[in-house]
N, C-alpha and C. Protein backbone atom coordinates (compact mmCIF):
# COMPACT_ATOMS: atom_id res chain seq x y z
N UNK A 1 -20.28 33.31 8.86
CA UNK A 1 -19.20 33.32 9.12
C UNK A 1 -19.10 32.31 10.12
N UNK A 2 -17.54 31.19 10.79
CA UNK A 2 -17.51 31.25 11.05
C UNK A 2 -17.44 30.92 12.97
N UNK A 3 -17.59 30.67 13.96
CA UNK A 3 -17.47 30.48 15.23
C UNK A 3 -16.25 30.11 15.49
N UNK A 4 -15.91 31.05 16.66
CA UNK A 4 -14.46 30.38 17.16
C UNK A 4 -15.24 28.35 17.63
N UNK A 5 -16.12 28.31 17.94
CA UNK A 5 -15.92 26.91 17.68
C UNK A 5 -15.90 26.23 16.74
N UNK A 6 -16.86 26.39 15.30
CA UNK A 6 -15.97 25.53 14.07
C UNK A 6 -14.81 25.96 14.38
N UNK A 7 -14.00 27.07 14.40
CA UNK A 7 -12.07 27.05 14.46
C UNK A 7 -11.67 26.00 15.28
N UNK A 8 -12.08 26.25 16.52
CA UNK A 8 -11.68 24.91 17.56
C UNK A 8 -11.58 23.76 16.61
N UNK A 9 -12.53 23.64 16.22
CA UNK A 9 -13.08 22.02 15.75
C UNK A 9 -12.12 21.42 14.74
N UNK A 10 -11.68 22.46 14.05
CA UNK A 10 -11.54 21.94 13.13
C UNK A 10 -9.93 21.79 13.51
N UNK A 11 -9.23 23.13 13.98
CA UNK A 11 -7.65 22.99 14.19
C UNK A 11 -7.56 21.61 15.63
N UNK A 12 -8.73 20.91 15.82
CA UNK A 12 -8.74 19.41 16.82
C UNK A 12 -8.54 18.41 16.11
N UNK A 13 -9.34 18.08 15.08
CA UNK A 13 -9.19 17.68 14.11
C UNK A 13 -7.82 17.51 13.19
N UNK A 14 -7.60 18.87 13.01
CA UNK A 14 -6.24 18.47 12.33
C UNK A 14 -4.98 18.01 13.41
N UNK A 15 -4.62 18.54 14.88
CA UNK A 15 -4.64 17.85 15.21
C UNK A 15 -4.81 16.80 15.54
N UNK A 16 -5.69 16.54 15.88
CA UNK A 16 -6.04 14.82 15.97
C UNK A 16 -5.19 14.07 14.74
N UNK A 17 -5.59 14.07 13.72
CA UNK A 17 -5.51 13.28 12.39
C UNK A 17 -3.45 13.30 12.67
N UNK A 18 -3.20 14.34 12.88
CA UNK A 18 -1.30 14.47 13.00
C UNK A 18 -0.90 13.09 13.76
N UNK A 19 -1.76 13.32 15.03
CA UNK A 19 -1.35 12.74 16.08
C UNK A 19 -1.36 10.73 15.62
N UNK A 20 -2.94 11.08 15.12
CA UNK A 20 -2.82 9.77 14.70
C UNK A 20 -2.39 9.15 13.96
N UNK A 21 -1.36 9.80 12.92
CA UNK A 21 -0.65 9.86 11.74
C UNK A 21 1.03 9.45 12.36
N UNK A 22 0.75 10.25 13.61
CA UNK A 22 2.15 9.79 14.72
C UNK A 22 2.19 8.30 14.69
N UNK A 23 1.35 8.11 15.22
CA UNK A 23 0.84 7.00 15.97
C UNK A 23 1.16 5.55 15.46
N UNK A 24 1.07 6.01 13.93
CA UNK A 24 0.69 5.18 12.93
C UNK A 24 2.09 4.38 12.35
N UNK A 25 2.44 5.72 12.06
CA UNK A 25 4.37 5.55 11.75
C UNK A 25 5.16 4.66 12.63
N UNK A 26 4.37 5.06 14.42
CA UNK A 26 5.71 4.65 15.59
C UNK A 26 4.99 3.20 15.47
N UNK A 27 4.38 3.03 15.32
CA UNK A 27 3.75 1.34 15.32
C UNK A 27 4.66 0.49 14.26
N UNK A 28 4.15 1.30 12.88
CA UNK A 28 5.31 1.23 11.73
C UNK A 28 7.00 0.49 12.07
N UNK A 29 6.89 1.80 13.01
CA UNK A 29 8.89 1.31 12.81
C UNK A 29 8.66 0.72 14.04
N UNK A 30 8.21 0.68 14.87
CA UNK A 30 8.27 -0.74 16.08
C UNK A 30 8.23 -2.20 15.27
N UNK A 31 7.56 -2.22 14.59
CA UNK A 31 6.94 -3.52 13.93
C UNK A 31 8.32 -4.21 13.31
N UNK A 32 8.49 -3.21 12.44
CA UNK A 32 10.10 -3.17 11.49
C UNK A 32 10.95 -3.81 12.25
N UNK A 33 11.55 -3.37 13.44
CA UNK A 33 12.46 -3.09 14.34
C UNK A 33 13.14 -4.13 15.57
N UNK A 34 11.14 -4.42 15.64
CA UNK A 34 10.99 -6.07 16.71
C UNK A 34 10.49 -7.02 16.10
N UNK A 35 9.47 -6.55 15.16
CA UNK A 35 8.56 -7.81 14.88
C UNK A 35 7.17 -8.06 15.66
N UNK A 36 7.37 -6.78 16.48
CA UNK A 36 5.78 -6.74 17.66
C UNK A 36 5.61 -5.71 17.60
N UNK A 37 4.45 -5.69 18.34
CA UNK A 37 3.55 -4.62 18.36
C UNK A 37 3.51 -4.10 19.91
N UNK A 38 3.65 -3.18 20.69
CA UNK A 38 3.65 -3.07 22.09
C UNK A 38 3.22 -1.33 21.92
N UNK A 39 2.09 -1.37 22.99
CA UNK A 39 1.72 0.14 22.86
C UNK A 39 2.13 1.21 23.92
N UNK A 40 3.24 0.52 24.38
CA UNK A 40 3.70 1.38 24.95
C UNK A 40 5.27 1.98 24.70
N UNK A 41 5.38 1.13 24.14
CA UNK A 41 6.63 1.85 23.56
C UNK A 41 6.82 2.38 22.33
N UNK A 42 5.28 2.13 21.43
CA UNK A 42 4.53 3.26 20.59
C UNK A 42 4.46 4.46 20.95
N UNK A 43 3.87 4.94 22.21
CA UNK A 43 3.28 6.12 22.19
C UNK A 43 5.23 6.57 22.83
N UNK A 44 5.76 5.91 23.11
CA UNK A 44 6.67 6.56 23.21
C UNK A 44 7.90 7.35 21.96
N UNK A 45 7.44 6.20 21.03
CA UNK A 45 8.33 6.55 19.75
C UNK A 45 7.27 8.02 18.97
N UNK A 46 5.75 8.16 19.51
CA UNK A 46 5.46 8.87 19.02
C UNK A 46 5.41 10.06 19.55
N UNK A 47 5.70 10.06 20.94
CA UNK A 47 5.66 11.20 21.68
C UNK A 47 4.08 11.97 22.29
N UNK A 48 3.53 10.61 22.46
CA UNK A 48 2.48 10.82 23.19
C UNK A 48 1.75 10.45 24.33
N UNK A 49 0.85 10.68 24.83
CA UNK A 49 0.93 9.94 26.16
C UNK A 49 0.29 8.31 26.25
N UNK A 50 0.57 7.46 26.77
CA UNK A 50 0.32 6.12 26.50
C UNK A 50 -1.22 5.08 25.81
N UNK A 51 -2.21 6.46 26.84
CA UNK A 51 -3.68 6.72 26.19
C UNK A 51 -3.54 6.98 25.11
N UNK A 52 -2.85 7.85 24.30
CA UNK A 52 -3.54 8.06 22.82
C UNK A 52 -3.64 7.22 22.21
N UNK A 53 -3.10 6.70 21.70
CA UNK A 53 -3.34 5.30 21.19
C UNK A 53 -4.55 4.32 21.27
N UNK A 54 -4.61 4.22 22.53
CA UNK A 54 -6.00 3.50 22.85
C UNK A 54 -7.33 4.16 22.35
N UNK A 55 -6.75 5.40 22.45
CA UNK A 55 -8.35 7.14 22.19
C UNK A 55 -8.53 6.59 20.71
N UNK A 56 -7.69 6.37 20.19
CA UNK A 56 -7.87 6.73 18.07
C UNK A 56 -7.24 4.98 17.86
N UNK A 57 -7.16 3.94 18.54
CA UNK A 57 -7.34 2.78 17.77
C UNK A 57 -8.38 1.27 18.58
N UNK A 58 -8.78 2.46 20.17
CA UNK A 58 -9.38 1.36 20.45
C UNK A 58 -8.28 0.05 21.33
N UNK A 59 -8.10 -1.14 20.90
CA UNK A 59 -7.14 -1.48 21.54
C UNK A 59 -6.03 -1.93 20.51
N UNK A 60 -4.92 -2.55 21.49
CA UNK A 60 -3.57 -3.05 20.82
C UNK A 60 -4.18 -3.03 19.17
N UNK A 61 -4.99 -4.37 18.94
CA UNK A 61 -5.60 -5.10 17.92
C UNK A 61 -6.03 -4.37 16.67
N UNK A 62 -6.87 -3.07 17.42
CA UNK A 62 -7.01 -2.58 15.82
C UNK A 62 -6.15 -1.57 16.11
N UNK A 63 -4.81 -1.02 16.76
CA UNK A 63 -3.37 -0.10 15.94
C UNK A 63 -3.35 -1.09 15.17
N UNK A 64 -2.47 -2.58 15.37
CA UNK A 64 -2.31 -3.72 14.23
C UNK A 64 -2.56 -3.25 13.42
N UNK A 65 -4.52 -3.55 13.40
CA UNK A 65 -5.44 -3.52 11.68
C UNK A 65 -5.01 -2.34 11.17
N UNK A 66 -4.79 -1.57 12.05
CA UNK A 66 -4.49 0.05 11.29
C UNK A 66 -3.02 -0.41 9.97
N UNK A 67 -2.14 -0.35 11.35
CA UNK A 67 -0.46 -0.75 10.00
C UNK A 67 -0.96 -1.63 9.45
N UNK A 68 -1.23 -3.01 9.56
CA UNK A 68 -1.46 -3.46 7.96
C UNK A 68 -2.49 -2.94 7.60
N UNK A 69 -3.58 -2.46 7.45
CA UNK A 69 -4.41 -1.96 6.22
C UNK A 69 -3.58 -1.20 5.81
N UNK A 70 -2.51 -0.32 6.24
CA UNK A 70 -2.12 1.07 5.80
C UNK A 70 -1.35 0.06 4.99
N UNK A 71 -0.64 -0.73 4.96
CA UNK A 71 0.43 -1.28 4.66
C UNK A 71 -0.45 -2.29 2.81
N UNK A 72 -1.45 -2.63 3.16
CA UNK A 72 -1.86 -3.03 1.84
C UNK A 72 -3.37 -1.78 1.10
N UNK A 73 -2.70 -0.48 1.65
CA UNK A 73 -3.56 0.32 0.67
C UNK A 73 -2.28 0.78 0.27
N UNK A 74 -1.34 0.47 0.58
CA UNK A 74 0.54 0.61 -0.62
C UNK A 74 0.21 0.69 -1.02
N UNK A 75 -0.18 -1.09 -0.93
CA UNK A 75 -0.10 -2.26 -1.94
C UNK A 75 -0.51 -2.28 -3.26
N UNK A 76 -2.20 -1.63 -2.25
CA UNK A 76 -2.99 -1.62 -3.28
C UNK A 76 -2.77 -0.39 -4.80
N UNK A 77 -2.25 1.21 -4.11
CA UNK A 77 -2.39 1.62 -4.98
C UNK A 77 -0.65 1.53 -5.80
N UNK A 78 0.49 0.91 -5.77
CA UNK A 78 1.08 0.32 -6.39
C UNK A 78 1.17 -0.48 -7.11
N UNK A 79 -0.01 -1.49 -7.28
CA UNK A 79 -0.13 -2.54 -7.99
C UNK A 79 -1.43 -3.10 -7.70
N UNK A 80 -1.87 -3.87 -7.36
CA UNK A 80 -3.10 -3.79 -7.00
C UNK A 80 -4.06 -3.86 -8.07
N UNK A 81 -3.94 -2.30 -7.57
CA UNK A 81 -5.30 -1.25 -8.10
C UNK A 81 -5.35 -0.84 -9.53
N UNK A 82 -3.78 -0.58 -9.96
CA UNK A 82 -3.54 0.10 -10.54
C UNK A 82 -3.88 -0.31 -12.30
N UNK A 83 -4.04 0.77 -13.01
CA UNK A 83 -4.30 0.04 -14.05
C UNK A 83 -2.81 0.73 -14.76
N UNK A 84 -2.53 -0.33 -15.45
CA UNK A 84 -1.25 -0.74 -16.39
C UNK A 84 -1.20 -1.18 -17.83
N UNK A 85 -0.53 -0.13 -18.69
CA UNK A 85 -0.65 0.25 -19.79
C UNK A 85 0.19 -1.39 -20.39
N UNK A 86 -0.77 -1.30 -22.15
CA UNK A 86 -0.59 -2.69 -22.86
C UNK A 86 -1.63 -3.86 -23.76
N UNK A 87 -1.21 -4.12 -24.59
CA UNK A 87 -2.48 -4.35 -25.75
C UNK A 87 -2.84 -5.61 -25.15
N UNK A 88 -2.01 -6.54 -24.34
CA UNK A 88 -2.72 -7.43 -24.22
C UNK A 88 -2.98 -7.52 -22.43
N UNK A 89 -2.96 -8.56 -22.18
CA UNK A 89 -3.16 -9.61 -20.34
C UNK A 89 -1.41 -9.31 -20.30
N UNK A 90 -0.63 -10.14 -21.07
CA UNK A 90 0.61 -10.82 -20.95
C UNK A 90 1.05 -9.05 -20.59
N UNK A 91 0.79 -8.13 -21.36
CA UNK A 91 2.15 -6.74 -20.79
C UNK A 91 1.43 -6.14 -19.82
N UNK A 92 -0.16 -6.14 -18.99
CA UNK A 92 -0.42 -5.62 -18.67
C UNK A 92 -0.06 -6.22 -17.07
N UNK A 93 -0.54 -7.83 -16.49
CA UNK A 93 0.07 -8.34 -16.06
C UNK A 93 1.29 -8.76 -15.64
N UNK A 94 2.60 -8.65 -16.52
CA UNK A 94 3.27 -8.57 -16.85
C UNK A 94 4.26 -6.99 -15.75
N UNK A 95 3.65 -6.26 -16.16
CA UNK A 95 3.71 -5.07 -15.82
C UNK A 95 3.85 -4.61 -13.81
N UNK A 96 2.09 -5.79 -14.12
CA UNK A 96 1.76 -5.90 -12.68
C UNK A 96 2.55 -6.23 -11.58
N UNK A 97 3.91 -7.82 -11.77
CA UNK A 97 4.32 -8.49 -10.99
C UNK A 97 5.41 -8.19 -11.08
N UNK A 98 6.14 -7.14 -11.94
CA UNK A 98 7.57 -6.28 -11.40
C UNK A 98 6.95 -5.19 -10.83
N UNK A 99 5.85 -4.71 -10.61
CA UNK A 99 5.13 -3.44 -9.47
C UNK A 99 5.63 -4.05 -8.13
N UNK A 100 5.08 -4.92 -8.30
CA UNK A 100 4.08 -6.34 -7.36
C UNK A 100 5.42 -5.61 -6.20
N UNK A 101 6.65 -6.67 -6.48
CA UNK A 101 7.89 -7.53 -6.62
C UNK A 101 8.37 -6.23 -5.83
N UNK A 102 8.50 -4.63 -7.14
CA UNK A 102 9.71 -3.75 -6.55
C UNK A 102 8.47 -2.79 -4.99
N UNK A 103 7.91 -2.85 -5.72
CA UNK A 103 6.48 -2.39 -4.13
C UNK A 103 7.34 -3.12 -2.51
N UNK A 104 6.70 -4.71 -2.41
CA UNK A 104 7.51 -5.20 -1.74
C UNK A 104 8.25 -5.60 -1.20
N UNK A 105 9.88 -5.15 -2.09
CA UNK A 105 11.11 -4.67 -1.87
C UNK A 105 10.99 -3.25 -1.10
N UNK A 106 10.51 -2.65 -1.88
CA UNK A 106 11.04 -1.27 -1.02
C UNK A 106 10.41 -0.68 0.59
N UNK A 107 9.06 -1.46 0.95
CA UNK A 107 8.28 -1.33 1.82
C UNK A 107 9.31 -2.29 3.18
N UNK A 108 9.23 -1.83 4.17
CA UNK A 108 10.21 -2.37 4.80
C UNK A 108 9.46 -3.12 5.99
N UNK A 109 7.74 -2.67 5.94
CA UNK A 109 6.83 -3.73 6.77
C UNK A 109 6.40 -4.62 5.53
N UNK A 110 6.65 -4.86 4.75
CA UNK A 110 6.34 -6.42 3.89
C UNK A 110 7.29 -7.59 4.38
N UNK A 111 7.97 -7.66 4.98
CA UNK A 111 8.57 -8.88 5.31
C UNK A 111 7.72 -9.41 7.26
N UNK A 112 7.23 -8.18 7.48
CA UNK A 112 6.78 -8.40 9.03
C UNK A 112 5.79 -8.81 8.60
N UNK A 113 4.69 -8.49 7.37
CA UNK A 113 3.17 -8.62 7.10
C UNK A 113 2.90 -9.97 6.35
N UNK A 114 3.98 -9.58 5.99
CA UNK A 114 3.52 -10.97 4.85
C UNK A 114 4.48 -12.03 5.83
N UNK A 115 5.08 -12.07 6.76
CA UNK A 115 5.66 -13.14 7.12
C UNK A 115 5.13 -13.91 8.32
N UNK A 116 3.93 -12.97 9.10
CA UNK A 116 2.88 -13.22 10.19
C UNK A 116 2.20 -14.21 10.00
N UNK A 117 2.27 -15.72 11.20
CA UNK A 117 0.94 -16.36 10.70
C UNK A 117 0.57 -16.71 12.41
N UNK A 118 -0.98 -16.39 11.72
CA UNK A 118 -1.79 -16.51 12.80
C UNK A 118 -2.12 -14.64 13.20
N UNK A 119 -2.25 -14.44 14.42
CA UNK A 119 -2.65 -13.46 14.65
C UNK A 119 -3.89 -13.12 15.32
N UNK A 120 -4.67 -12.03 15.53
CA UNK A 120 -5.58 -11.44 16.07
C UNK A 120 -6.81 -11.29 15.14
N UNK A 121 -7.93 -11.56 15.67
CA UNK A 121 -8.90 -11.57 14.71
C UNK A 121 -9.40 -10.94 13.66
N UNK A 122 -8.81 -9.10 14.42
CA UNK A 122 -9.61 -7.86 13.92
C UNK A 122 -8.43 -7.66 12.55
N UNK A 123 -6.91 -8.02 12.58
CA UNK A 123 -6.40 -8.15 11.78
C UNK A 123 -6.36 -8.96 11.33
N UNK A 124 -6.63 -10.52 11.25
CA UNK A 124 -7.04 -11.67 10.23
C UNK A 124 -8.05 -10.88 9.19
N UNK A 125 -9.21 -10.58 9.70
CA UNK A 125 -10.57 -10.25 9.02
C UNK A 125 -9.88 -9.16 7.79
N UNK A 126 -8.85 -8.24 8.46
CA UNK A 126 -8.69 -7.37 7.53
C UNK A 126 -7.83 -7.76 6.65
N UNK A 127 -6.95 -8.68 6.79
CA UNK A 127 -6.02 -9.55 5.81
C UNK A 127 -6.52 -10.29 4.53
N UNK A 128 -7.87 -10.92 5.36
CA UNK A 128 -8.99 -11.59 5.09
C UNK A 128 -9.35 -10.51 3.24
N UNK A 129 -9.93 -10.34 3.95
CA UNK A 129 -10.98 -8.92 3.09
C UNK A 129 -9.73 -8.27 1.79
N UNK A 130 -8.91 -8.12 1.90
CA UNK A 130 -7.98 -6.92 1.23
C UNK A 130 -7.34 -8.24 0.07
N UNK A 131 -7.40 -9.88 0.73
CA UNK A 131 -7.01 -10.42 -0.10
C UNK A 131 -8.29 -11.01 -1.52
N UNK A 132 -9.17 -11.54 -0.54
CA UNK A 132 -10.20 -11.35 -1.19
C UNK A 132 -10.52 -10.31 -2.56
N UNK A 133 -10.19 -9.22 -2.47
CA UNK A 133 -10.43 -8.14 -2.78
C UNK A 133 -9.59 -8.03 -4.04
N UNK A 134 -8.39 -8.13 -3.95
CA UNK A 134 -7.37 -8.80 -4.72
C UNK A 134 -7.61 -9.38 -5.52
N UNK A 135 -8.01 -11.16 -5.24
CA UNK A 135 -8.27 -11.73 -6.22
C UNK A 135 -9.64 -11.68 -7.04
N UNK A 136 -11.11 -11.00 -6.14
CA UNK A 136 -11.54 -10.68 -7.41
C UNK A 136 -11.41 -9.29 -8.80
N UNK A 137 -10.41 -8.86 -8.01
CA UNK A 137 -10.00 -8.18 -9.37
C UNK A 137 -9.30 -9.19 -10.14
N UNK A 138 -8.33 -9.41 -10.08
CA UNK A 138 -7.18 -10.33 -10.51
C UNK A 138 -8.39 -10.98 -11.80
N UNK A 139 -9.13 -12.10 -11.04
CA UNK A 139 -9.71 -12.70 -11.31
C UNK A 139 -10.99 -12.31 -12.84
N UNK A 140 -11.44 -10.91 -12.41
CA UNK A 140 -11.30 -9.57 -13.58
C UNK A 140 -11.31 -9.50 -14.37
N UNK A 141 -9.38 -9.78 -14.42
CA UNK A 141 -8.71 -9.07 -15.55
C UNK A 141 -8.30 -10.04 -16.01
N UNK A 142 -8.10 -11.44 -15.51
CA UNK A 142 -7.75 -13.00 -16.57
C UNK A 142 -9.26 -13.37 -17.10
N UNK A 143 -10.60 -13.09 -17.05
CA UNK A 143 -11.72 -12.90 -17.74
C UNK A 143 -10.79 -12.01 -18.88
N UNK A 144 -10.95 -10.78 -18.26
CA UNK A 144 -11.07 -9.68 -19.54
C UNK A 144 -9.99 -10.79 -20.48
N UNK A 145 -9.18 -11.02 -20.36
CA UNK A 145 -7.95 -11.90 -21.19
C UNK A 145 -8.54 -13.10 -21.90
N UNK A 146 -9.13 -13.85 -20.74
CA UNK A 146 -10.01 -14.87 -21.89
C UNK A 146 -11.02 -14.44 -23.29
N UNK A 147 -11.89 -12.79 -22.33
CA UNK A 147 -12.21 -12.77 -23.61
C UNK A 147 -11.94 -12.15 -24.70
N UNK A 148 -10.64 -11.79 -24.64
CA UNK A 148 -9.86 -11.27 -25.60
C UNK A 148 -8.89 -11.89 -26.35
N UNK A 149 -9.25 -13.21 -25.67
CA UNK A 149 -8.30 -14.03 -26.58
C UNK A 149 -6.67 -14.66 -26.21
N UNK A 150 -6.80 -13.56 -25.36
CA UNK A 150 -5.07 -14.19 -24.92
C UNK A 150 -4.64 -14.78 -23.64
N UNK A 151 -6.06 -15.20 -23.22
CA UNK A 151 -5.34 -16.58 -22.51
C UNK A 151 -6.87 -18.09 -22.60
N UNK A 152 -6.11 -19.53 -22.30
CA UNK A 152 -7.17 -20.25 -22.52
C UNK A 152 -8.22 -19.99 -21.52
N UNK A 153 -9.58 -20.72 -22.31
CA UNK A 153 -10.68 -20.40 -22.03
C UNK A 153 -11.23 -21.46 -20.85
N UNK A 154 -9.97 -22.82 -20.48
CA UNK A 154 -10.71 -23.69 -19.89
C UNK A 154 -9.92 -23.74 -18.41
N UNK A 155 -10.41 -22.47 -17.95
CA UNK A 155 -9.08 -22.65 -16.17
C UNK A 155 -10.62 -21.44 -15.45
N UNK A 156 -10.29 -21.22 -14.39
CA UNK A 156 -11.25 -20.72 -13.40
C UNK A 156 -10.37 -19.57 -13.16
N UNK A 157 -10.88 -18.62 -13.40
CA UNK A 157 -10.14 -17.26 -13.01
C UNK A 157 -9.97 -17.44 -11.35
N UNK A 158 -11.01 -17.60 -10.88
CA UNK A 158 -10.82 -17.28 -9.20
C UNK A 158 -10.08 -17.64 -9.12
N UNK A 159 -10.39 -19.44 -9.16
CA UNK A 159 -9.39 -20.77 -8.28
C UNK A 159 -7.98 -20.47 -9.18
N UNK A 160 -7.65 -20.09 -10.11
CA UNK A 160 -6.44 -19.86 -10.39
C UNK A 160 -6.04 -18.26 -10.37
N UNK A 161 -6.18 -17.33 -9.57
CA UNK A 161 -6.48 -16.03 -9.22
C UNK A 161 -6.28 -16.27 -7.69
N UNK A 162 -6.16 -16.99 -7.32
CA UNK A 162 -6.16 -17.06 -5.56
C UNK A 162 -5.07 -18.24 -5.52
N UNK A 163 -4.94 -19.34 -6.00
CA UNK A 163 -3.48 -20.10 -6.26
C UNK A 163 -2.32 -19.34 -6.07
N UNK A 164 -2.54 -18.51 -7.39
CA UNK A 164 -1.07 -17.13 -8.07
C UNK A 164 -0.79 -16.69 -6.52
N UNK A 165 -1.80 -15.90 -5.98
CA UNK A 165 -1.92 -14.40 -5.33
C UNK A 165 -1.28 -15.24 -4.10
N UNK A 166 -0.93 -16.75 -3.61
CA UNK A 166 -0.62 -16.93 -2.43
C UNK A 166 0.80 -17.69 -3.10
N UNK A 167 1.01 -17.85 -4.21
CA UNK A 167 2.58 -18.38 -4.42
C UNK A 167 2.91 -17.26 -4.45
N UNK A 168 2.66 -16.33 -5.17
CA UNK A 168 3.52 -15.19 -5.06
C UNK A 168 3.86 -14.60 -3.84
N UNK A 169 2.79 -13.87 -2.98
CA UNK A 169 3.47 -14.04 -1.52
C UNK A 169 4.42 -14.56 -0.60
N UNK A 170 3.73 -16.04 -0.98
CA UNK A 170 5.00 -16.42 0.11
C UNK A 170 6.25 -16.84 -0.37
N UNK A 171 6.86 -16.77 -1.94
CA UNK A 171 7.76 -16.48 -3.05
C UNK A 171 8.64 -15.21 -2.23
N UNK A 172 7.51 -14.15 -2.08
CA UNK A 172 8.46 -12.62 -2.15
C UNK A 172 8.82 -12.36 -0.43
N UNK A 173 8.40 -13.41 0.13
CA UNK A 173 7.90 -13.65 1.67
C UNK A 173 9.32 -13.98 1.52
N UNK A 174 9.90 -15.40 1.24
CA UNK A 174 10.64 -15.98 1.44
C UNK A 174 12.18 -14.78 0.65
N UNK A 175 11.86 -14.28 -0.09
CA UNK A 175 13.17 -14.01 -0.36
C UNK A 175 13.58 -12.76 0.11
N UNK A 176 12.36 -11.91 0.56
CA UNK A 176 12.40 -11.00 1.49
C UNK A 176 13.62 -11.30 3.01
N UNK A 177 12.99 -12.53 2.97
CA UNK A 177 13.18 -12.75 4.54
C UNK A 177 15.13 -13.72 4.28
N UNK A 178 15.95 -13.14 3.24
CA UNK A 178 17.10 -14.03 3.09
C UNK A 178 18.53 -13.09 3.03
N UNK A 179 19.19 -13.40 3.70
CA UNK A 179 20.33 -13.03 3.79
C UNK A 179 22.08 -13.26 2.33
N UNK A 180 21.95 -12.74 1.66
CA UNK A 180 21.18 -11.57 1.59
C UNK A 180 20.01 -11.65 0.62
N UNK A 181 19.60 -10.76 0.09
CA UNK A 181 18.57 -10.64 -0.47
C UNK A 181 19.12 -10.96 -1.85
N UNK A 182 17.82 -11.66 -2.75
CA UNK A 182 18.03 -12.35 -4.45
C UNK A 182 17.88 -10.75 -5.24
N UNK A 183 18.49 -10.40 -5.97
CA UNK A 183 17.67 -9.39 -6.80
C UNK A 183 16.94 -9.45 -7.41
N UNK A 184 15.88 -8.70 -6.86
CA UNK A 184 14.69 -8.35 -7.46
C UNK A 184 13.82 -8.80 -8.58
N UNK A 185 15.15 -8.19 -9.84
CA UNK A 185 14.82 -8.19 -11.16
C UNK A 185 14.43 -9.68 -11.75
N UNK A 186 15.52 -10.72 -10.86
CA UNK A 186 15.23 -11.77 -11.04
C UNK A 186 13.92 -12.39 -10.57
N UNK A 187 14.33 -11.65 -9.15
CA UNK A 187 12.92 -12.40 -8.24
C UNK A 187 10.97 -12.61 -9.23
N UNK A 188 11.20 -11.27 -10.02
CA UNK A 188 10.40 -10.88 -10.70
C UNK A 188 9.97 -11.81 -11.80
N UNK A 189 11.35 -11.80 -12.37
CA UNK A 189 11.01 -12.39 -13.75
C UNK A 189 10.90 -14.23 -13.60
N UNK A 190 11.20 -14.90 -12.45
CA UNK A 190 10.59 -15.69 -12.25
C UNK A 190 9.54 -15.81 -11.57
N UNK A 191 8.99 -15.03 -11.28
CA UNK A 191 7.87 -14.86 -10.52
C UNK A 191 6.55 -14.57 -11.51
N UNK A 192 7.41 -13.83 -12.79
CA UNK A 192 6.08 -13.49 -13.85
C UNK A 192 6.16 -15.25 -15.03
N UNK A 193 6.87 -16.01 -14.55
CA UNK A 193 6.84 -17.20 -15.07
C UNK A 193 6.28 -17.77 -14.87
N UNK A 194 6.01 -17.89 -13.38
CA UNK A 194 5.43 -18.67 -12.83
C UNK A 194 3.63 -18.73 -13.05
N UNK A 195 3.29 -17.34 -13.04
CA UNK A 195 2.27 -16.73 -13.10
C UNK A 195 1.51 -16.99 -14.55
N UNK A 196 2.39 -16.61 -15.18
CA UNK A 196 2.33 -16.79 -16.78
C UNK A 196 1.95 -17.80 -17.36
N UNK A 197 2.95 -18.95 -16.95
CA UNK A 197 2.64 -20.56 -16.98
C UNK A 197 1.67 -21.15 -16.34
N UNK A 198 1.20 -20.39 -15.16
CA UNK A 198 -0.17 -21.15 -14.31
C UNK A 198 -1.49 -20.57 -15.26
N UNK A 199 -0.97 -19.07 -15.59
CA UNK A 199 -2.56 -19.00 -16.52
C UNK A 199 -2.81 -19.49 -18.04
N UNK A 200 -1.43 -20.36 -18.72
CA UNK A 200 -1.07 -20.59 -20.22
C UNK A 200 -0.98 -19.31 -20.73
N UNK A 201 -0.62 -18.44 -20.28
CA UNK A 201 -0.11 -16.95 -21.12
C UNK A 201 1.19 -17.21 -22.38
N UNK A 202 1.52 -16.60 -23.40
CA UNK A 202 2.02 -16.58 -24.58
C UNK A 202 1.99 -15.71 -24.47
N UNK A 203 3.36 -14.72 -25.15
CA UNK A 203 3.80 -12.90 -25.03
C UNK A 203 3.08 -12.99 -26.91
N UNK A 204 3.32 -13.87 -27.29
CA UNK A 204 3.14 -14.51 -28.93
C UNK A 204 1.76 -15.02 -28.99
N UNK A 205 0.95 -14.88 -27.86
CA UNK A 205 -0.45 -15.71 -28.05
C UNK A 205 -0.91 -15.07 -29.16
N UNK A 206 -1.65 -15.54 -30.18
CA UNK A 206 -3.10 -15.29 -31.64
C UNK A 206 -4.10 -14.85 -30.64
N UNK A 207 -4.25 -13.91 -30.89
CA UNK A 207 -5.59 -13.53 -30.19
C UNK A 207 -7.01 -14.36 -31.50
N UNK A 208 -8.06 -15.70 -30.99
CA UNK A 208 -8.98 -16.10 -31.70
C UNK A 208 -9.42 -14.68 -32.31
N UNK A 209 -10.26 -14.41 -33.08
CA UNK A 209 -11.35 -13.61 -34.00
C UNK A 209 -12.87 -14.15 -32.95
């Protein structure tokens, strides 16, 4: 049977998780509205003491890194780590690029995170780790396409995916900062043409036995 201490610990944990999420949401709102993150302003938005963000995240850099990590978590779920249906690399990855663009257009943090230049070491480390993970997954997908005969085998998957991801993120960042924004469907179509061309993919490519 649970004692009062156990129940109190669970209540505190639930309250702590709720406060942490409020702080993260407030930090994201602050970044969207101001392009920056100031801990006192975040605390006011979240309705907590100025010291509480430091309790959960240690430093301003820790809070910023957590917000950026959450941004990439959502992108991973929507596109990077998602399994797409399709009989060929062309079909699967076209769906992925479309989902990628759709998600970034809908995430208000995207222009801020993708448009950041430089930054502190902790946040840069988060971004680097997530980029490397995306490159690794993309390289595996491309190698599968090469094995299946969907793609030419004379291209280095890791190098090509690294170049393509950099280009896609930069292009989406440019699109998101335009006024008015270009139509997302057209952006996705143009980016897919770039990706497919770089990979040497063709919709009707015949697989070699």
